[in-house]
N, C-alpha and C. Protein backbone atom coordinates (compact mmCIF):
# COMPACT_ATOMS: atom_id res chain seq x y z
N MET A 1 0.83 -1.18 0.00
CA MET A 1 0.00 0.00 0.00
C MET A 1 0.88 1.25 0.00
N ALA A 2 0.57 2.21 -0.85
CA ALA A 2 1.36 3.44 -0.97
C ALA A 2 1.15 4.32 0.25
N ARG A 3 2.25 4.89 0.72
CA ARG A 3 2.19 5.78 1.87
C ARG A 3 2.05 7.23 1.43
N LEU A 4 1.19 7.97 2.08
CA LEU A 4 1.01 9.39 1.77
C LEU A 4 2.17 10.19 2.34
N PRO A 5 2.61 11.24 1.63
CA PRO A 5 3.69 12.07 2.17
C PRO A 5 3.25 12.78 3.44
N SER A 6 4.20 13.01 4.34
CA SER A 6 3.89 13.68 5.60
C SER A 6 3.67 15.18 5.36
N LEU A 7 3.14 15.83 6.40
CA LEU A 7 2.88 17.26 6.32
C LEU A 7 4.17 18.03 6.11
N SER A 8 5.28 17.55 6.69
CA SER A 8 6.56 18.25 6.54
C SER A 8 7.06 18.21 5.09
N ALA A 9 6.68 17.19 4.34
CA ALA A 9 7.08 17.12 2.93
C ALA A 9 6.39 18.23 2.14
N TYR A 10 5.14 18.50 2.47
CA TYR A 10 4.42 19.58 1.79
C TYR A 10 4.90 20.95 2.29
N ALA A 11 5.31 21.03 3.54
CA ALA A 11 5.73 22.30 4.12
C ALA A 11 6.98 22.84 3.45
N ARG A 12 7.74 21.99 2.79
CA ARG A 12 8.92 22.46 2.06
C ARG A 12 8.53 23.42 0.94
N PHE A 13 7.42 23.14 0.29
CA PHE A 13 6.96 23.98 -0.81
C PHE A 13 5.88 24.97 -0.38
N LEU A 14 5.19 24.67 0.71
CA LEU A 14 4.16 25.56 1.25
C LEU A 14 4.50 25.86 2.71
N PRO A 15 5.40 26.83 2.95
CA PRO A 15 5.90 27.09 4.31
C PRO A 15 4.82 27.40 5.34
N PHE A 16 3.66 27.92 4.91
CA PHE A 16 2.63 28.24 5.89
C PHE A 16 2.10 26.99 6.60
N LEU A 17 2.29 25.82 6.02
CA LEU A 17 1.84 24.59 6.69
C LEU A 17 2.64 24.33 7.96
N SER A 18 3.89 24.80 8.02
CA SER A 18 4.70 24.58 9.22
C SER A 18 4.38 25.57 10.33
N TRP A 19 4.00 26.80 9.98
CA TRP A 19 3.71 27.77 11.04
C TRP A 19 2.23 27.91 11.35
N TRP A 20 1.37 27.43 10.50
CA TRP A 20 -0.07 27.58 10.73
C TRP A 20 -0.54 26.99 12.06
N PRO A 21 -0.05 25.84 12.50
CA PRO A 21 -0.51 25.31 13.79
C PRO A 21 -0.16 26.20 14.99
N ARG A 22 0.83 27.08 14.85
CA ARG A 22 1.22 27.96 15.96
C ARG A 22 0.38 29.23 16.02
N VAL A 23 -0.51 29.43 15.06
CA VAL A 23 -1.37 30.62 15.08
C VAL A 23 -2.47 30.42 16.11
N ASN A 24 -2.63 31.42 16.97
CA ASN A 24 -3.70 31.37 17.96
C ASN A 24 -4.40 32.72 17.99
N ARG A 25 -5.30 32.90 18.91
CA ARG A 25 -6.08 34.13 18.98
C ARG A 25 -5.17 35.35 19.18
N ALA A 26 -4.16 35.24 20.04
CA ALA A 26 -3.28 36.38 20.32
C ALA A 26 -2.44 36.75 19.09
N THR A 27 -1.88 35.75 18.41
CA THR A 27 -1.06 36.06 17.23
C THR A 27 -1.92 36.58 16.10
N LEU A 28 -3.13 36.04 15.98
CA LEU A 28 -4.03 36.52 14.93
C LEU A 28 -4.43 37.97 15.17
N ARG A 29 -4.66 38.32 16.41
CA ARG A 29 -5.01 39.71 16.75
C ARG A 29 -3.83 40.65 16.48
N ALA A 30 -2.63 40.21 16.84
CA ALA A 30 -1.44 41.02 16.57
C ALA A 30 -1.21 41.18 15.07
N ASP A 31 -1.42 40.11 14.32
CA ASP A 31 -1.25 40.18 12.86
C ASP A 31 -2.29 41.10 12.23
N ALA A 32 -3.51 41.08 12.74
CA ALA A 32 -4.57 41.94 12.20
C ALA A 32 -4.25 43.42 12.45
N SER A 33 -3.75 43.74 13.64
CA SER A 33 -3.39 45.14 13.91
C SER A 33 -2.18 45.56 13.08
N ALA A 34 -1.22 44.66 12.88
CA ALA A 34 -0.07 44.97 12.02
C ALA A 34 -0.52 45.17 10.57
N ALA A 35 -1.47 44.38 10.13
CA ALA A 35 -1.99 44.52 8.76
C ALA A 35 -2.69 45.86 8.57
N LEU A 36 -3.47 46.27 9.56
CA LEU A 36 -4.17 47.55 9.47
C LEU A 36 -3.18 48.72 9.42
N ILE A 37 -2.19 48.69 10.29
CA ILE A 37 -1.18 49.76 10.30
C ILE A 37 -0.40 49.77 9.00
N SER A 38 -0.03 48.59 8.51
CA SER A 38 0.71 48.50 7.24
C SER A 38 -0.13 49.03 6.09
N ALA A 39 -1.41 48.71 6.07
CA ALA A 39 -2.28 49.17 4.99
C ALA A 39 -2.39 50.68 4.98
N ILE A 40 -2.46 51.28 6.17
CA ILE A 40 -2.54 52.74 6.25
C ILE A 40 -1.32 53.40 5.63
N VAL A 41 -0.17 52.76 5.77
CA VAL A 41 1.08 53.31 5.23
C VAL A 41 1.28 52.91 3.76
N VAL A 42 1.07 51.63 3.46
CA VAL A 42 1.46 51.09 2.16
C VAL A 42 0.50 51.45 1.03
N LEU A 43 -0.78 51.54 1.28
CA LEU A 43 -1.70 51.84 0.18
C LEU A 43 -1.44 53.19 -0.46
N PRO A 44 -1.28 54.29 0.30
CA PRO A 44 -0.93 55.55 -0.36
C PRO A 44 0.45 55.51 -1.02
N GLN A 45 1.38 54.80 -0.39
CA GLN A 45 2.71 54.66 -0.99
C GLN A 45 2.62 53.94 -2.33
N GLY A 46 1.80 52.89 -2.39
CA GLY A 46 1.64 52.14 -3.63
C GLY A 46 1.13 53.00 -4.76
N VAL A 47 0.16 53.86 -4.45
CA VAL A 47 -0.37 54.78 -5.47
C VAL A 47 0.73 55.73 -5.94
N ALA A 48 1.50 56.26 -5.01
CA ALA A 48 2.58 57.18 -5.36
C ALA A 48 3.67 56.48 -6.18
N PHE A 49 4.02 55.26 -5.80
CA PHE A 49 5.07 54.54 -6.52
C PHE A 49 4.60 54.12 -7.91
N ALA A 50 3.32 53.83 -8.07
CA ALA A 50 2.80 53.51 -9.40
C ALA A 50 2.90 54.74 -10.30
N THR A 51 2.56 55.89 -9.77
CA THR A 51 2.67 57.13 -10.54
C THR A 51 4.13 57.39 -10.90
N LEU A 52 5.03 57.12 -9.97
CA LEU A 52 6.46 57.28 -10.20
C LEU A 52 6.95 56.36 -11.32
N ALA A 53 6.35 55.18 -11.41
CA ALA A 53 6.72 54.21 -12.45
C ALA A 53 6.03 54.49 -13.78
N GLY A 54 5.16 55.49 -13.83
CA GLY A 54 4.47 55.82 -15.08
C GLY A 54 3.22 54.99 -15.30
N LEU A 55 2.66 54.42 -14.23
CA LEU A 55 1.47 53.58 -14.32
C LEU A 55 0.27 54.28 -13.71
N PRO A 56 -0.93 53.88 -14.08
CA PRO A 56 -2.13 54.41 -13.42
C PRO A 56 -2.12 54.04 -11.92
N PRO A 57 -2.72 54.86 -11.08
CA PRO A 57 -2.67 54.64 -9.62
C PRO A 57 -3.20 53.28 -9.15
N GLU A 58 -4.19 52.72 -9.83
CA GLU A 58 -4.74 51.45 -9.37
C GLU A 58 -3.73 50.31 -9.38
N TYR A 59 -2.72 50.40 -10.23
CA TYR A 59 -1.67 49.38 -10.24
C TYR A 59 -0.86 49.43 -8.96
N GLY A 60 -0.75 50.58 -8.37
CA GLY A 60 -0.08 50.70 -7.07
C GLY A 60 -0.86 50.01 -5.98
N LEU A 61 -2.18 50.06 -6.06
CA LEU A 61 -3.00 49.35 -5.09
C LEU A 61 -2.81 47.84 -5.22
N TYR A 62 -2.73 47.35 -6.46
CA TYR A 62 -2.48 45.93 -6.67
C TYR A 62 -1.13 45.53 -6.08
N CYS A 63 -0.12 46.36 -6.30
CA CYS A 63 1.22 46.05 -5.80
C CYS A 63 1.29 46.14 -4.28
N ALA A 64 0.41 46.90 -3.68
CA ALA A 64 0.39 47.01 -2.22
C ALA A 64 -0.37 45.85 -1.59
N MET A 65 -1.28 45.22 -2.32
CA MET A 65 -2.11 44.17 -1.74
C MET A 65 -1.66 42.75 -2.07
N VAL A 66 -1.27 42.50 -3.30
CA VAL A 66 -0.98 41.14 -3.73
C VAL A 66 0.32 40.58 -3.14
N PRO A 67 1.47 41.29 -3.19
CA PRO A 67 2.70 40.69 -2.66
C PRO A 67 2.63 40.27 -1.20
N PRO A 68 2.04 41.06 -0.30
CA PRO A 68 1.96 40.58 1.09
C PRO A 68 1.13 39.30 1.24
N LEU A 69 0.08 39.15 0.44
CA LEU A 69 -0.71 37.92 0.50
C LEU A 69 0.09 36.72 0.02
N VAL A 70 0.81 36.89 -1.08
CA VAL A 70 1.63 35.80 -1.60
C VAL A 70 2.75 35.47 -0.60
N ALA A 71 3.40 36.49 -0.06
CA ALA A 71 4.49 36.27 0.90
C ALA A 71 3.99 35.62 2.18
N ALA A 72 2.76 35.91 2.57
CA ALA A 72 2.22 35.32 3.79
C ALA A 72 2.08 33.81 3.66
N PHE A 73 1.76 33.33 2.48
CA PHE A 73 1.56 31.90 2.31
C PHE A 73 2.79 31.16 1.81
N PHE A 74 3.63 31.81 1.01
CA PHE A 74 4.76 31.11 0.43
C PHE A 74 6.10 31.55 0.99
N GLY A 75 6.11 32.64 1.76
CA GLY A 75 7.35 33.08 2.38
C GLY A 75 7.64 32.25 3.62
N SER A 76 8.90 32.17 3.98
CA SER A 76 9.27 31.36 5.13
C SER A 76 9.65 32.23 6.33
N SER A 77 9.52 33.53 6.21
CA SER A 77 9.93 34.43 7.27
C SER A 77 8.71 34.95 8.04
N TRP A 78 8.84 35.05 9.35
CA TRP A 78 7.81 35.66 10.18
C TRP A 78 7.92 37.17 10.11
N HIS A 79 9.08 37.66 9.70
CA HIS A 79 9.36 39.10 9.67
C HIS A 79 9.74 39.49 8.26
N THR A 80 8.77 39.58 7.40
CA THR A 80 9.05 39.89 6.01
C THR A 80 8.49 41.25 5.63
N VAL A 81 9.15 41.88 4.69
CA VAL A 81 8.69 43.17 4.20
C VAL A 81 8.48 43.02 2.70
N THR A 82 7.28 43.30 2.25
CA THR A 82 6.97 43.18 0.82
C THR A 82 6.18 44.39 0.38
N GLY A 83 6.10 44.55 -0.93
CA GLY A 83 5.31 45.65 -1.47
C GLY A 83 6.13 46.54 -2.37
N PRO A 84 5.53 47.60 -2.85
CA PRO A 84 6.21 48.49 -3.79
C PRO A 84 7.27 49.33 -3.09
N THR A 85 8.31 49.68 -3.85
CA THR A 85 9.36 50.56 -3.34
C THR A 85 9.68 51.60 -4.40
N ASN A 86 10.27 52.71 -3.97
CA ASN A 86 10.61 53.75 -4.94
C ASN A 86 11.74 53.31 -5.86
N ALA A 87 12.69 52.51 -5.36
CA ALA A 87 13.79 52.06 -6.21
C ALA A 87 13.28 51.20 -7.36
N VAL A 88 12.40 50.26 -7.06
CA VAL A 88 11.85 49.40 -8.11
C VAL A 88 11.02 50.22 -9.09
N SER A 89 10.25 51.17 -8.58
CA SER A 89 9.44 52.03 -9.46
C SER A 89 10.32 52.78 -10.44
N LEU A 90 11.42 53.32 -9.94
CA LEU A 90 12.34 54.06 -10.82
C LEU A 90 13.03 53.14 -11.82
N TYR A 91 13.40 51.92 -11.38
CA TYR A 91 14.02 50.96 -12.30
C TYR A 91 13.05 50.59 -13.41
N VAL A 92 11.80 50.36 -13.06
CA VAL A 92 10.78 50.00 -14.06
C VAL A 92 10.61 51.14 -15.05
N PHE A 93 10.48 52.36 -14.54
CA PHE A 93 10.30 53.51 -15.42
C PHE A 93 11.52 53.69 -16.33
N ALA A 94 12.72 53.60 -15.78
CA ALA A 94 13.94 53.78 -16.59
C ALA A 94 14.08 52.69 -17.64
N THR A 95 13.62 51.50 -17.33
CA THR A 95 13.75 50.38 -18.26
C THR A 95 12.73 50.44 -19.38
N VAL A 96 11.48 50.74 -19.06
CA VAL A 96 10.40 50.60 -20.03
C VAL A 96 10.05 51.91 -20.74
N ALA A 97 10.36 53.06 -20.14
CA ALA A 97 9.96 54.34 -20.73
C ALA A 97 10.60 54.58 -22.10
N SER A 98 11.76 53.99 -22.34
CA SER A 98 12.39 54.18 -23.64
C SER A 98 11.74 53.31 -24.72
N LEU A 99 10.89 52.37 -24.31
CA LEU A 99 10.25 51.46 -25.27
C LEU A 99 8.82 51.85 -25.62
N ALA A 100 8.15 52.58 -24.72
CA ALA A 100 6.76 52.97 -24.96
C ALA A 100 6.44 54.22 -24.15
N VAL A 101 5.36 54.90 -24.52
CA VAL A 101 4.94 56.12 -23.82
C VAL A 101 4.33 55.72 -22.47
N PRO A 102 4.86 56.27 -21.35
CA PRO A 102 4.32 55.93 -20.03
C PRO A 102 2.81 56.16 -19.95
N GLY A 103 2.12 55.19 -19.37
CA GLY A 103 0.68 55.27 -19.21
C GLY A 103 -0.11 54.67 -20.37
N SER A 104 0.54 54.43 -21.50
CA SER A 104 -0.16 53.88 -22.66
C SER A 104 -0.41 52.38 -22.44
N GLY A 105 -1.27 51.82 -23.26
CA GLY A 105 -1.56 50.39 -23.18
C GLY A 105 -0.34 49.53 -23.42
N GLU A 106 0.48 49.94 -24.38
CA GLU A 106 1.70 49.19 -24.68
C GLU A 106 2.67 49.25 -23.49
N TYR A 107 2.77 50.43 -22.85
CA TYR A 107 3.65 50.59 -21.69
C TYR A 107 3.19 49.67 -20.55
N ILE A 108 1.89 49.66 -20.28
CA ILE A 108 1.36 48.81 -19.22
C ILE A 108 1.60 47.34 -19.54
N SER A 109 1.43 46.97 -20.79
CA SER A 109 1.68 45.59 -21.21
C SER A 109 3.15 45.21 -20.99
N LEU A 110 4.06 46.11 -21.34
CA LEU A 110 5.48 45.84 -21.14
C LEU A 110 5.83 45.74 -19.65
N VAL A 111 5.24 46.61 -18.83
CA VAL A 111 5.51 46.56 -17.39
C VAL A 111 4.98 45.26 -16.79
N LEU A 112 3.79 44.84 -17.21
CA LEU A 112 3.24 43.58 -16.71
C LEU A 112 4.08 42.39 -17.15
N THR A 113 4.60 42.44 -18.37
CA THR A 113 5.49 41.38 -18.86
C THR A 113 6.77 41.36 -18.03
N LEU A 114 7.33 42.53 -17.74
CA LEU A 114 8.52 42.63 -16.90
C LEU A 114 8.26 42.06 -15.51
N ALA A 115 7.11 42.39 -14.94
CA ALA A 115 6.74 41.88 -13.61
C ALA A 115 6.58 40.36 -13.64
N PHE A 116 5.95 39.84 -14.69
CA PHE A 116 5.77 38.40 -14.82
C PHE A 116 7.12 37.70 -14.93
N MET A 117 8.00 38.25 -15.78
CA MET A 117 9.33 37.65 -15.95
C MET A 117 10.11 37.67 -14.64
N SER A 118 10.02 38.77 -13.90
CA SER A 118 10.70 38.86 -12.61
C SER A 118 10.15 37.82 -11.64
N GLY A 119 8.84 37.66 -11.64
CA GLY A 119 8.21 36.68 -10.77
C GLY A 119 8.64 35.26 -11.10
N VAL A 120 8.73 34.93 -12.38
CA VAL A 120 9.16 33.59 -12.79
C VAL A 120 10.60 33.35 -12.35
N ILE A 121 11.45 34.36 -12.53
CA ILE A 121 12.85 34.22 -12.10
C ILE A 121 12.93 34.03 -10.59
N MET A 122 12.17 34.83 -9.82
CA MET A 122 12.19 34.69 -8.37
C MET A 122 11.64 33.33 -7.92
N LEU A 123 10.57 32.87 -8.57
CA LEU A 123 10.01 31.57 -8.23
C LEU A 123 11.01 30.46 -8.52
N THR A 124 11.67 30.54 -9.67
CA THR A 124 12.68 29.55 -10.03
C THR A 124 13.81 29.55 -9.02
N MET A 125 14.26 30.75 -8.63
CA MET A 125 15.34 30.83 -7.65
C MET A 125 14.89 30.27 -6.30
N GLY A 126 13.64 30.48 -5.94
CA GLY A 126 13.13 29.95 -4.68
C GLY A 126 13.04 28.44 -4.71
N VAL A 127 12.54 27.87 -5.81
CA VAL A 127 12.42 26.42 -5.93
C VAL A 127 13.80 25.77 -5.90
N LEU A 128 14.78 26.42 -6.51
CA LEU A 128 16.15 25.90 -6.53
C LEU A 128 16.93 26.23 -5.26
N ARG A 129 16.28 26.91 -4.32
CA ARG A 129 16.89 27.29 -3.04
C ARG A 129 18.15 28.14 -3.23
N LEU A 130 18.09 29.08 -4.15
CA LEU A 130 19.24 29.94 -4.44
C LEU A 130 19.33 31.15 -3.52
N GLY A 131 18.43 31.29 -2.57
CA GLY A 131 18.51 32.37 -1.61
C GLY A 131 19.77 32.29 -0.77
N ARG A 132 20.32 31.11 -0.65
CA ARG A 132 21.57 30.92 0.10
C ARG A 132 22.74 31.64 -0.53
N VAL A 133 22.65 31.95 -1.81
CA VAL A 133 23.75 32.64 -2.51
C VAL A 133 24.02 34.00 -1.87
N VAL A 134 22.97 34.63 -1.33
CA VAL A 134 23.14 35.95 -0.70
C VAL A 134 24.11 35.88 0.47
N ASN A 135 24.25 34.70 1.09
CA ASN A 135 25.20 34.55 2.19
C ASN A 135 26.64 34.80 1.76
N PHE A 136 26.92 34.69 0.46
CA PHE A 136 28.26 34.90 -0.03
C PHE A 136 28.51 36.35 -0.48
N VAL A 137 27.49 37.17 -0.43
CA VAL A 137 27.60 38.59 -0.79
C VAL A 137 27.78 39.38 0.51
N SER A 138 28.68 40.35 0.50
CA SER A 138 28.93 41.09 1.72
C SER A 138 27.69 41.87 2.17
N HIS A 139 27.59 42.07 3.48
CA HIS A 139 26.45 42.76 4.06
C HIS A 139 26.32 44.18 3.48
N THR A 140 27.44 44.84 3.26
CA THR A 140 27.43 46.20 2.72
C THR A 140 26.78 46.24 1.34
N VAL A 141 27.08 45.27 0.52
CA VAL A 141 26.50 45.22 -0.83
C VAL A 141 25.00 44.93 -0.76
N VAL A 142 24.60 44.00 0.10
CA VAL A 142 23.18 43.65 0.22
C VAL A 142 22.38 44.85 0.70
N VAL A 143 22.88 45.56 1.72
CA VAL A 143 22.17 46.71 2.27
C VAL A 143 22.19 47.88 1.30
N GLY A 144 23.27 48.10 0.60
CA GLY A 144 23.40 49.25 -0.29
C GLY A 144 22.87 49.05 -1.68
N PHE A 145 22.49 47.82 -2.06
CA PHE A 145 22.07 47.54 -3.42
C PHE A 145 20.91 48.41 -3.90
N PRO A 146 19.82 48.55 -3.15
CA PRO A 146 18.71 49.37 -3.67
C PRO A 146 19.07 50.84 -3.85
N ARG A 147 20.09 51.31 -3.13
CA ARG A 147 20.46 52.72 -3.24
C ARG A 147 21.66 52.93 -4.17
N ALA A 148 22.11 51.89 -4.83
CA ALA A 148 23.29 52.01 -5.69
C ALA A 148 22.99 52.94 -6.86
N PRO A 149 23.86 53.90 -7.13
CA PRO A 149 23.64 54.79 -8.28
C PRO A 149 23.90 54.07 -9.59
N ARG A 150 23.28 54.56 -10.64
CA ARG A 150 23.56 53.97 -11.96
C ARG A 150 24.97 54.33 -12.37
N CYS A 151 25.54 53.51 -13.20
CA CYS A 151 26.92 53.77 -13.61
C CYS A 151 26.99 55.03 -14.47
N ARG A 152 28.14 55.65 -14.48
CA ARG A 152 28.32 56.90 -15.23
C ARG A 152 28.12 56.71 -16.73
N ARG A 153 28.51 55.55 -17.24
CA ARG A 153 28.38 55.30 -18.67
C ARG A 153 26.90 55.33 -19.07
N SER A 154 26.00 54.72 -18.26
CA SER A 154 24.57 54.72 -18.57
C SER A 154 24.01 56.12 -18.56
N CYS A 155 24.45 56.93 -17.57
CA CYS A 155 23.97 58.31 -17.49
C CYS A 155 24.46 59.11 -18.70
N ALA A 156 25.68 58.86 -19.13
CA ALA A 156 26.23 59.57 -20.28
C ALA A 156 25.53 59.15 -21.56
N ALA A 157 24.99 57.91 -21.57
CA ALA A 157 24.33 57.43 -22.77
C ALA A 157 22.92 57.98 -22.93
N GLY A 158 22.47 58.77 -21.96
CA GLY A 158 21.18 59.43 -22.12
C GLY A 158 20.06 58.80 -21.33
N TRP A 159 20.38 58.02 -20.32
CA TRP A 159 19.32 57.42 -19.48
C TRP A 159 18.64 58.46 -18.74
């Protein structure tokens, strides 16, 4: 007779299965208050960052709501930060604005394609457990990466 895989086998791919049994009334209440406070801060930020990226404001709302939900179920950290950032908004705008007019249908299509491709790459890296590679990068580089200036050659080329 075939044996069914244990819960821990599934928890490798669905991390919430390992922490879900530890959720109780107190942790649920704390999480709900943290979610409310985060929403008060992140929703307006998402709208602003979408505008910064050249997208309609509603896309910022999507970026403020969807990543935390995905991270809550598939992330393995109890202390995770997800959502839109100004650095990513500027990178998206700098990358796609030269290919289409910001705010146009083609621009939105290109941005969604970029987001999908990034998601596939991140999912692949997660499945392959490549997050460990960051352990070989110095702390200074990891912390400073989002604030790293563009190289002078790119700026001289008209970026």
